[in-house]
Amino acid sequence: IDHFFPERKNIKGKVAKLNFDIINAFVLRGPEYY
């Protein structure tokens, strides 16, 4: 995930990082899976 989204490494807060992961690793992938 850090390779595809290098900006993730700069996110320090737990909630901010979790939001980022939810959106980019999971939510946005749903239509692609479909």
PDB file of all heavy atoms in Angstrom:
ATOM      1  N   ILE A   1       0.821  -1.211   0.000  1.00  0.00           N
ATOM      2  CA  ILE A   1       0.000   0.000   0.000  1.00  0.00           C
ATOM      3  C   ILE A   1       0.859   1.268   0.000  1.00  0.00           C
ATOM      4  O   ILE A   1       0.540   2.250  -0.668  1.00  0.00           O
ATOM      5  CB  ILE A   1      -0.993   0.007   1.188  1.00  0.00           C
ATOM      6  CG1 ILE A   1      -1.923   1.228   1.100  1.00  0.00           C
ATOM      7  CG2 ILE A   1      -0.271  -0.067   2.520  1.00  0.00           C
ATOM      8  CD1 ILE A   1      -3.061   1.194   2.090  1.00  0.00           C
ATOM      9  N   ASP A   2       1.989   1.242   0.719  1.00  0.00           N
ATOM     10  CA  ASP A   2       2.845   2.432   0.750  1.00  0.00           C
ATOM     11  C   ASP A   2       3.511   2.676  -0.595  1.00  0.00           C
ATOM     12  O   ASP A   2       3.838   3.821  -0.931  1.00  0.00           O
ATOM     13  CB  ASP A   2       3.920   2.280   1.832  1.00  0.00           C
ATOM     14  CG  ASP A   2       3.353   2.471   3.235  1.00  0.00           C
ATOM     15  OD1 ASP A   2       2.277   3.084   3.352  1.00  0.00           O
ATOM     16  OD2 ASP A   2       3.978   2.000   4.201  1.00  0.00           O
ATOM     17  N   HIS A   3       3.701   1.621  -1.373  1.00  0.00           N
ATOM     18  CA  HIS A   3       4.260   1.781  -2.719  1.00  0.00           C
ATOM     19  C   HIS A   3       3.258   2.477  -3.637  1.00  0.00           C
ATOM     20  O   HIS A   3       3.625   3.378  -4.404  1.00  0.00           O
ATOM     21  CB  HIS A   3       4.639   0.417  -3.294  1.00  0.00           C
ATOM     22  CG  HIS A   3       4.973   0.444  -4.753  1.00  0.00           C
ATOM     23  ND1 HIS A   3       6.177   0.950  -5.234  1.00  0.00           N
ATOM     24  CD2 HIS A   3       4.265   0.057  -5.853  1.00  0.00           C
ATOM     25  CE1 HIS A   3       6.186   0.861  -6.552  1.00  0.00           C
ATOM     26  NE2 HIS A   3       5.044   0.331  -6.952  1.00  0.00           N
ATOM     27  N   PHE A   4       2.000   2.071  -3.560  1.00  0.00           N
ATOM     28  CA  PHE A   4       0.969   2.667  -4.413  1.00  0.00           C
ATOM     29  C   PHE A   4       0.559   4.053  -3.923  1.00  0.00           C
ATOM     30  O   PHE A   4       0.176   4.905  -4.719  1.00  0.00           O
ATOM     31  CB  PHE A   4      -0.261   1.756  -4.472  1.00  0.00           C
ATOM     32  CG  PHE A   4      -0.099   0.568  -5.368  1.00  0.00           C
ATOM     33  CD1 PHE A   4       0.348  -0.644  -4.869  1.00  0.00           C
ATOM     34  CD2 PHE A   4      -0.369   0.661  -6.729  1.00  0.00           C
ATOM     35  CE1 PHE A   4       0.505  -1.743  -5.691  1.00  0.00           C
ATOM     36  CE2 PHE A   4      -0.214  -0.431  -7.567  1.00  0.00           C
ATOM     37  CZ  PHE A   4       0.235  -1.637  -7.047  1.00  0.00           C
ATOM     38  N   PHE A   5       0.650   4.249  -2.610  1.00  0.00           N
ATOM     39  CA  PHE A   5       0.256   5.526  -2.028  1.00  0.00           C
ATOM     40  C   PHE A   5       1.376   6.024  -1.112  1.00  0.00           C
ATOM     41  O   PHE A   5       1.264   5.942   0.113  1.00  0.00           O
ATOM     42  CB  PHE A   5      -1.049   5.388  -1.249  1.00  0.00           C
ATOM     43  CG  PHE A   5      -2.195   4.877  -2.066  1.00  0.00           C
ATOM     44  CD1 PHE A   5      -2.594   3.546  -1.970  1.00  0.00           C
ATOM     45  CD2 PHE A   5      -2.871   5.706  -2.946  1.00  0.00           C
ATOM     46  CE1 PHE A   5      -3.643   3.067  -2.723  1.00  0.00           C
ATOM     47  CE2 PHE A   5      -3.923   5.238  -3.713  1.00  0.00           C
ATOM     48  CZ  PHE A   5      -4.317   3.906  -3.605  1.00  0.00           C
ATOM     49  N   PRO A   6       2.472   6.540  -1.688  1.00  0.00           N
ATOM     50  CA  PRO A   6       3.630   6.950  -0.872  1.00  0.00           C
ATOM     51  C   PRO A   6       3.308   8.048   0.138  1.00  0.00           C
ATOM     52  O   PRO A   6       3.999   8.174   1.154  1.00  0.00           O
ATOM     53  CB  PRO A   6       4.642   7.431  -1.915  1.00  0.00           C
ATOM     54  CG  PRO A   6       3.856   7.680  -3.159  1.00  0.00           C
ATOM     55  CD  PRO A   6       2.719   6.717  -3.133  1.00  0.00           C
ATOM     56  N   GLU A   7       2.253   8.809  -0.121  1.00  0.00           N
ATOM     57  CA  GLU A   7       1.878   9.877   0.808  1.00  0.00           C
ATOM     58  C   GLU A   7       1.401   9.319   2.149  1.00  0.00           C
ATOM     59  O   GLU A   7       1.377  10.027   3.161  1.00  0.00           O
ATOM     60  CB  GLU A   7       0.786  10.763   0.197  1.00  0.00           C
ATOM     61  CG  GLU A   7      -0.565  10.109  -0.031  1.00  0.00           C
ATOM     62  CD  GLU A   7      -0.702   9.412  -1.389  1.00  0.00           C
ATOM     63  OE1 GLU A   7       0.338   8.983  -1.929  1.00  0.00           O
ATOM     64  OE2 GLU A   7      -1.829   9.299  -1.884  1.00  0.00           O
ATOM     65  N   ARG A   8       1.042   8.045   2.171  1.00  0.00           N
ATOM     66  CA  ARG A   8       0.561   7.415   3.407  1.00  0.00           C
ATOM     67  C   ARG A   8       1.618   7.458   4.507  1.00  0.00           C
ATOM     68  O   ARG A   8       1.288   7.559   5.693  1.00  0.00           O
ATOM     69  CB  ARG A   8       0.154   5.971   3.121  1.00  0.00           C
ATOM     70  CG  ARG A   8      -0.386   5.203   4.319  1.00  0.00           C
ATOM     71  CD  ARG A   8      -0.801   3.800   3.892  1.00  0.00           C
ATOM     72  NE  ARG A   8      -1.377   3.036   5.001  1.00  0.00           N
ATOM     73  CZ  ARG A   8      -0.681   2.240   5.807  1.00  0.00           C
ATOM     74  NH1 ARG A   8       0.636   2.118   5.640  1.00  0.00           N
ATOM     75  NH2 ARG A   8      -1.284   1.579   6.780  1.00  0.00           N
ATOM     76  N   LYS A   9       2.881   7.383   4.132  1.00  0.00           N
ATOM     77  CA  LYS A   9       3.965   7.360   5.120  1.00  0.00           C
ATOM     78  C   LYS A   9       4.023   8.643   5.943  1.00  0.00           C
ATOM     79  O   LYS A   9       4.563   8.653   7.048  1.00  0.00           O
ATOM     80  CB  LYS A   9       5.301   7.134   4.422  1.00  0.00           C
ATOM     81  CG  LYS A   9       5.431   5.778   3.746  1.00  0.00           C
ATOM     82  CD  LYS A   9       6.778   5.643   3.058  1.00  0.00           C
ATOM     83  CE  LYS A   9       6.914   4.298   2.369  1.00  0.00           C
ATOM     84  NZ  LYS A   9       8.218   4.168   1.670  1.00  0.00           N
ATOM     85  N   ASN A  10       3.479   9.712   5.395  1.00  0.00           N
ATOM     86  CA  ASN A  10       3.525  11.006   6.093  1.00  0.00           C
ATOM     87  C   ASN A  10       2.334  11.241   7.011  1.00  0.00           C
ATOM     88  O   ASN A  10       2.257  12.273   7.672  1.00  0.00           O
ATOM     89  CB  ASN A  10       3.609  12.131   5.057  1.00  0.00           C
ATOM     90  CG  ASN A  10       4.852  12.025   4.190  1.00  0.00           C
ATOM     91  OD1 ASN A  10       5.925  11.681   4.678  1.00  0.00           O
ATOM     92  ND2 ASN A  10       4.706  12.312   2.903  1.00  0.00           N
ATOM     93  N   ILE A  11       1.411  10.280   7.036  1.00  0.00           N
ATOM     94  CA  ILE A  11       0.226  10.422   7.885  1.00  0.00           C
ATOM     95  C   ILE A  11       0.544   9.841   9.259  1.00  0.00           C
ATOM     96  O   ILE A  11       0.841   8.656   9.389  1.00  0.00           O
ATOM     97  CB  ILE A  11      -0.983   9.697   7.266  1.00  0.00           C
ATOM     98  CG1 ILE A  11      -1.277  10.256   5.865  1.00  0.00           C
ATOM     99  CG2 ILE A  11      -2.209   9.843   8.163  1.00  0.00           C
ATOM    100  CD1 ILE A  11      -2.349   9.494   5.118  1.00  0.00           C
ATOM    101  N   LYS A  12       0.486  10.653  10.285  1.00  0.00           N
ATOM    102  CA  LYS A  12       0.901  10.227  11.617  1.00  0.00           C
ATOM    103  C   LYS A  12      -0.263   9.799  12.514  1.00  0.00           C
ATOM    104  O   LYS A  12      -0.149   8.860  13.288  1.00  0.00           O
ATOM    105  CB  LYS A  12       1.678  11.355  12.300  1.00  0.00           C
ATOM    106  CG  LYS A  12       2.918  11.809  11.529  1.00  0.00           C
ATOM    107  CD  LYS A  12       3.907  10.679  11.315  1.00  0.00           C
ATOM    108  CE  LYS A  12       5.142  11.150  10.548  1.00  0.00           C
ATOM    109  NZ  LYS A  12       6.069  10.035  10.257  1.00  0.00           N
ATOM    110  N   GLY A  13      -1.375  10.492  12.449  1.00  0.00           N
ATOM    111  CA  GLY A  13      -2.482  10.206  13.353  1.00  0.00           C
ATOM    112  C   GLY A  13      -3.133   8.861  13.073  1.00  0.00           C
ATOM    113  O   GLY A  13      -3.261   8.453  11.908  1.00  0.00           O
ATOM    114  N   LYS A  14      -3.558   8.160  14.112  1.00  0.00           N
ATOM    115  CA  LYS A  14      -4.183   6.845  13.958  1.00  0.00           C
ATOM    116  C   LYS A  14      -5.473   6.945  13.148  1.00  0.00           C
ATOM    117  O   LYS A  14      -5.694   6.156  12.220  1.00  0.00           O
ATOM    118  CB  LYS A  14      -4.484   6.248  15.333  1.00  0.00           C
ATOM    119  CG  LYS A  14      -3.262   5.942  16.176  1.00  0.00           C
ATOM    120  CD  LYS A  14      -3.678   5.421  17.548  1.00  0.00           C
ATOM    121  CE  LYS A  14      -2.477   5.268  18.463  1.00  0.00           C
ATOM    122  NZ  LYS A  14      -2.879   4.815  19.832  1.00  0.00           N
ATOM    123  N   VAL A  15      -6.324   7.903  13.489  1.00  0.00           N
ATOM    124  CA  VAL A  15      -7.607   8.039  12.794  1.00  0.00           C
ATOM    125  C   VAL A  15      -7.392   8.492  11.363  1.00  0.00           C
ATOM    126  O   VAL A  15      -8.039   7.999  10.432  1.00  0.00           O
ATOM    127  CB  VAL A  15      -8.535   9.012  13.553  1.00  0.00           C
ATOM    128  CG1 VAL A  15      -9.796   9.291  12.740  1.00  0.00           C
ATOM    129  CG2 VAL A  15      -8.891   8.441  14.912  1.00  0.00           C
ATOM    130  N   ALA A  16      -6.483   9.429  11.151  1.00  0.00           N
ATOM    131  CA  ALA A  16      -6.202   9.906   9.794  1.00  0.00           C
ATOM    132  C   ALA A  16      -5.686   8.781   8.916  1.00  0.00           C
ATOM    133  O   ALA A  16      -6.099   8.639   7.748  1.00  0.00           O
ATOM    134  CB  ALA A  16      -5.191  11.045   9.848  1.00  0.00           C
ATOM    135  N   LYS A  17      -4.798   7.964   9.454  1.00  0.00           N
ATOM    136  CA  LYS A  17      -4.263   6.841   8.672  1.00  0.00           C
ATOM    137  C   LYS A  17      -5.348   5.797   8.408  1.00  0.00           C
ATOM    138  O   LYS A  17      -5.422   5.229   7.307  1.00  0.00           O
ATOM    139  CB  LYS A  17      -3.082   6.198   9.403  1.00  0.00           C
ATOM    140  CG  LYS A  17      -2.467   5.019   8.661  1.00  0.00           C
ATOM    141  CD  LYS A  17      -1.133   4.573   9.235  1.00  0.00           C
ATOM    142  CE  LYS A  17      -0.015   5.500   8.791  1.00  0.00           C
ATOM    143  NZ  LYS A  17       1.327   4.956   9.128  1.00  0.00           N
ATOM    144  N   LEU A  18      -6.202   5.567   9.401  1.00  0.00           N
ATOM    145  CA  LEU A  18      -7.279   4.611   9.216  1.00  0.00           C
ATOM    146  C   LEU A  18      -8.259   5.094   8.155  1.00  0.00           C
ATOM    147  O   LEU A  18      -8.706   4.310   7.300  1.00  0.00           O
ATOM    148  CB  LEU A  18      -7.998   4.375  10.544  1.00  0.00           C
ATOM    149  CG  LEU A  18      -9.075   3.290  10.564  1.00  0.00           C
ATOM    150  CD1 LEU A  18      -8.549   1.972  10.024  1.00  0.00           C
ATOM    151  CD2 LEU A  18      -9.615   3.114  11.985  1.00  0.00           C
ATOM    152  N   ASN A  19      -8.606   6.374   8.168  1.00  0.00           N
ATOM    153  CA  ASN A  19      -9.462   6.926   7.121  1.00  0.00           C
ATOM    154  C   ASN A  19      -8.835   6.736   5.748  1.00  0.00           C
ATOM    155  O   ASN A  19      -9.505   6.344   4.787  1.00  0.00           O
ATOM    156  CB  ASN A  19      -9.686   8.428   7.367  1.00  0.00           C
ATOM    157  CG  ASN A  19     -11.019   8.721   8.027  1.00  0.00           C
ATOM    158  OD1 ASN A  19     -12.067   8.372   7.519  1.00  0.00           O
ATOM    159  ND2 ASN A  19     -10.963   9.357   9.186  1.00  0.00           N
ATOM    160  N   PHE A  20      -7.546   7.045   5.657  1.00  0.00           N
ATOM    161  CA  PHE A  20      -6.841   6.907   4.382  1.00  0.00           C
ATOM    162  C   PHE A  20      -6.902   5.463   3.894  1.00  0.00           C
ATOM    163  O   PHE A  20      -7.187   5.202   2.708  1.00  0.00           O
ATOM    164  CB  PHE A  20      -5.387   7.346   4.538  1.00  0.00           C
ATOM    165  CG  PHE A  20      -4.612   7.343   3.248  1.00  0.00           C
ATOM    166  CD1 PHE A  20      -4.563   8.482   2.452  1.00  0.00           C
ATOM    167  CD2 PHE A  20      -3.941   6.212   2.817  1.00  0.00           C
ATOM    168  CE1 PHE A  20      -3.858   8.481   1.251  1.00  0.00           C
ATOM    169  CE2 PHE A  20      -3.241   6.196   1.624  1.00  0.00           C
ATOM    170  CZ  PHE A  20      -3.196   7.344   0.839  1.00  0.00           C
ATOM    171  N   ASP A  21      -6.655   4.524   4.783  1.00  0.00           N
ATOM    172  CA  ASP A  21      -6.659   3.114   4.392  1.00  0.00           C
ATOM    173  C   ASP A  21      -8.052   2.643   4.002  1.00  0.00           C
ATOM    174  O   ASP A  21      -8.214   1.910   3.011  1.00  0.00           O
ATOM    175  CB  ASP A  21      -6.133   2.253   5.545  1.00  0.00           C
ATOM    176  CG  ASP A  21      -4.643   2.431   5.783  1.00  0.00           C
ATOM    177  OD1 ASP A  21      -3.980   3.075   4.939  1.00  0.00           O
ATOM    178  OD2 ASP A  21      -4.137   1.935   6.806  1.00  0.00           O
ATOM    179  N   ILE A  22      -9.059   3.052   4.764  1.00  0.00           N
ATOM    180  CA  ILE A  22     -10.426   2.643   4.446  1.00  0.00           C
ATOM    181  C   ILE A  22     -10.799   3.087   3.041  1.00  0.00           C
ATOM    182  O   ILE A  22     -11.352   2.310   2.240  1.00  0.00           O
ATOM    183  CB  ILE A  22     -11.417   3.232   5.471  1.00  0.00           C
ATOM    184  CG1 ILE A  22     -11.239   2.549   6.839  1.00  0.00           C
ATOM    185  CG2 ILE A  22     -12.861   3.072   4.987  1.00  0.00           C
ATOM    186  CD1 ILE A  22     -12.004   3.236   7.959  1.00  0.00           C
ATOM    187  N   ILE A  23     -10.487   4.340   2.719  1.00  0.00           N
ATOM    188  CA  ILE A  23     -10.877   4.887   1.415  1.00  0.00           C
ATOM    189  C   ILE A  23     -10.059   4.268   0.287  1.00  0.00           C
ATOM    190  O   ILE A  23     -10.619   3.782  -0.711  1.00  0.00           O
ATOM    191  CB  ILE A  23     -10.722   6.416   1.416  1.00  0.00           C
ATOM    192  CG1 ILE A  23     -11.742   7.048   2.366  1.00  0.00           C
ATOM    193  CG2 ILE A  23     -10.883   6.985   0.007  1.00  0.00           C
ATOM    194  CD1 ILE A  23     -11.520   8.524   2.638  1.00  0.00           C
ATOM    195  N   ASN A  24      -8.743   4.259   0.432  1.00  0.00           N
ATOM    196  CA  ASN A  24      -7.885   3.884  -0.690  1.00  0.00           C
ATOM    197  C   ASN A  24      -7.662   2.385  -0.847  1.00  0.00           C
ATOM    198  O   ASN A  24      -7.579   1.881  -1.972  1.00  0.00           O
ATOM    199  CB  ASN A  24      -6.539   4.598  -0.549  1.00  0.00           C
ATOM    200  CG  ASN A  24      -6.667   6.089  -0.739  1.00  0.00           C
ATOM    201  OD1 ASN A  24      -6.796   6.583  -1.853  1.00  0.00           O
ATOM    202  ND2 ASN A  24      -6.646   6.836   0.361  1.00  0.00           N
ATOM    203  N   ALA A  25      -7.570   1.672   0.258  1.00  0.00           N
ATOM    204  CA  ALA A  25      -7.343   0.232   0.163  1.00  0.00           C
ATOM    205  C   ALA A  25      -8.640  -0.542  -0.010  1.00  0.00           C
ATOM    206  O   ALA A  25      -8.639  -1.630  -0.602  1.00  0.00           O
ATOM    207  CB  ALA A  25      -6.603  -0.267   1.405  1.00  0.00           C
ATOM    208  N   PHE A  26      -9.746   0.029   0.462  1.00  0.00           N
ATOM    209  CA  PHE A  26     -10.985  -0.736   0.469  1.00  0.00           C
ATOM    210  C   PHE A  26     -12.105  -0.098  -0.355  1.00  0.00           C
ATOM    211  O   PHE A  26     -12.522  -0.653  -1.370  1.00  0.00           O
ATOM    212  CB  PHE A  26     -11.439  -0.946   1.923  1.00  0.00           C
ATOM    213  CG  PHE A  26     -10.466  -1.769   2.725  1.00  0.00           C
ATOM    214  CD1 PHE A  26      -9.541  -1.155   3.562  1.00  0.00           C
ATOM    215  CD2 PHE A  26     -10.460  -3.151   2.634  1.00  0.00           C
ATOM    216  CE1 PHE A  26      -8.630  -1.914   4.296  1.00  0.00           C
ATOM    217  CE2 PHE A  26      -9.551  -3.921   3.356  1.00  0.00           C
ATOM    218  CZ  PHE A  26      -8.633  -3.296   4.191  1.00  0.00           C
ATOM    219  N   VAL A  27     -12.594   1.075   0.050  1.00  0.00           N
ATOM    220  CA  VAL A  27     -13.802   1.639  -0.567  1.00  0.00           C
ATOM    221  C   VAL A  27     -13.635   1.854  -2.066  1.00  0.00           C
ATOM    222  O   VAL A  27     -14.497   1.452  -2.868  1.00  0.00           O
ATOM    223  CB  VAL A  27     -14.181   2.958   0.128  1.00  0.00           C
ATOM    224  CG1 VAL A  27     -15.351   3.619  -0.604  1.00  0.00           C
ATOM    225  CG2 VAL A  27     -14.544   2.714   1.589  1.00  0.00           C
ATOM    226  N   LEU A  28     -12.549   2.474  -2.476  1.00  0.00           N
ATOM    227  CA  LEU A  28     -12.354   2.782  -3.897  1.00  0.00           C
ATOM    228  C   LEU A  28     -12.116   1.545  -4.746  1.00  0.00           C
ATOM    229  O   LEU A  28     -12.211   1.602  -5.976  1.00  0.00           O
ATOM    230  CB  LEU A  28     -11.185   3.759  -4.071  1.00  0.00           C
ATOM    231  CG  LEU A  28     -11.403   5.158  -3.486  1.00  0.00           C
ATOM    232  CD1 LEU A  28     -10.167   6.023  -3.694  1.00  0.00           C
ATOM    233  CD2 LEU A  28     -12.629   5.824  -4.106  1.00  0.00           C
ATOM    234  N   ARG A  29     -11.824   0.445  -4.125  1.00  0.00           N
ATOM    235  CA  ARG A  29     -11.585  -0.788  -4.866  1.00  0.00           C
ATOM    236  C   ARG A  29     -12.895  -1.514  -5.177  1.00  0.00           C
ATOM    237  O   ARG A  29     -12.931  -2.378  -6.055  1.00  0.00           O
ATOM    238  CB  ARG A  29     -10.652  -1.727  -4.083  1.00  0.00           C
ATOM    239  CG  ARG A  29      -9.354  -1.058  -3.583  1.00  0.00           C
ATOM    240  CD  ARG A  29      -8.321  -0.897  -4.686  1.00  0.00           C
ATOM    241  NE  ARG A  29      -8.590   0.115  -5.657  1.00  0.00           N
ATOM    242  CZ  ARG A  29      -8.299   1.415  -5.519  1.00  0.00           C
ATOM    243  NH1 ARG A  29      -7.752   1.875  -4.411  1.00  0.00           N
ATOM    244  NH2 ARG A  29      -8.547   2.263  -6.498  1.00  0.00           N
ATOM    245  N   GLY A  30     -13.964  -1.187  -4.464  1.00  0.00           N
ATOM    246  CA  GLY A  30     -15.237  -1.879  -4.656  1.00  0.00           C
ATOM    247  C   GLY A  30     -15.730  -1.892  -6.098  1.00  0.00           C
ATOM    248  O   GLY A  30     -16.041  -2.964  -6.644  1.00  0.00           O
ATOM    249  N   PRO A  31     -15.810  -0.739  -6.771  1.00  0.00           N
ATOM    250  CA  PRO A  31     -16.252  -0.737  -8.173  1.00  0.00           C
ATOM    251  C   PRO A  31     -15.323  -1.540  -9.090  1.00  0.00           C
ATOM    252  O   PRO A  31     -15.786  -2.147 -10.065  1.00  0.00           O
ATOM    253  CB  PRO A  31     -16.241   0.754  -8.539  1.00  0.00           C
ATOM    254  CG  PRO A  31     -16.419   1.462  -7.234  1.00  0.00           C
ATOM    255  CD  PRO A  31     -15.674   0.631  -6.244  1.00  0.00           C
ATOM    256  N   GLU A  32     -14.039  -1.547  -8.782  1.00  0.00           N
ATOM    257  CA  GLU A  32     -13.091  -2.328  -9.589  1.00  0.00           C
ATOM    258  C   GLU A  32     -13.341  -3.826  -9.410  1.00  0.00           C
ATOM    259  O   GLU A  32     -13.312  -4.586 -10.377  1.00  0.00           O
ATOM    260  CB  GLU A  32     -11.660  -1.978  -9.191  1.00  0.00           C
ATOM    261  CG  GLU A  32     -11.303  -0.515  -9.416  1.00  0.00           C
ATOM    262  CD  GLU A  32      -9.964  -0.125  -8.807  1.00  0.00           C
ATOM    263  OE1 GLU A  32      -9.356  -0.954  -8.101  1.00  0.00           O
ATOM    264  OE2 GLU A  32      -9.540   1.025  -9.017  1.00  0.00           O
ATOM    265  N   TYR A  33     -13.587  -4.234  -8.181  1.00  0.00           N
ATOM    266  CA  TYR A  33     -13.921  -5.639  -7.944  1.00  0.00           C
ATOM    267  C   TYR A  33     -15.190  -6.017  -8.709  1.00  0.00           C
ATOM    268  O   TYR A  33     -15.270  -7.098  -9.317  1.00  0.00           O
ATOM    269  CB  TYR A  33     -14.146  -5.892  -6.443  1.00  0.00           C
ATOM    270  CG  TYR A  33     -12.947  -5.701  -5.557  1.00  0.00           C
ATOM    271  CD1 TYR A  33     -13.109  -5.308  -4.225  1.00  0.00           C
ATOM    272  CD2 TYR A  33     -11.649  -5.923  -6.009  1.00  0.00           C
ATOM    273  CE1 TYR A  33     -12.026  -5.138  -3.382  1.00  0.00           C
ATOM    274  CE2 TYR A  33     -10.556  -5.753  -5.172  1.00  0.00           C
ATOM    275  CZ  TYR A  33     -10.745  -5.358  -3.861  1.00  0.00           C
ATOM    276  OH  TYR A  33      -9.672  -5.192  -3.024  1.00  0.00           O
ATOM    277  N   TYR A  34     -16.172  -5.127  -8.658  1.00  0.00           N
ATOM    278  CA  TYR A  34     -17.439  -5.383  -9.355  1.00  0.00           C
ATOM    279  C   TYR A  34     -17.213  -5.587 -10.850  1.00  0.00           C
ATOM    280  O   TYR A  34     -17.768  -6.521 -11.457  1.00  0.00           O
ATOM    281  CB  TYR A  34     -18.389  -4.220  -9.098  1.00  0.00           C
ATOM    282  CG  TYR A  34     -19.697  -4.268  -9.852  1.00  0.00           C
ATOM    283  CD1 TYR A  34     -20.439  -5.442  -9.952  1.00  0.00           C
ATOM    284  CD2 TYR A  34     -20.218  -3.114 -10.448  1.00  0.00           C
ATOM    285  CE1 TYR A  34     -21.652  -5.478 -10.629  1.00  0.00           C
ATOM    286  CE2 TYR A  34     -21.426  -3.134 -11.128  1.00  0.00           C
ATOM    287  CZ  TYR A  34     -22.137  -4.320 -11.218  1.00  0.00           C
ATOM    288  OH  TYR A  34     -23.327  -4.346 -11.902  1.00  0.00           O
TER     289      TYR A  34
END
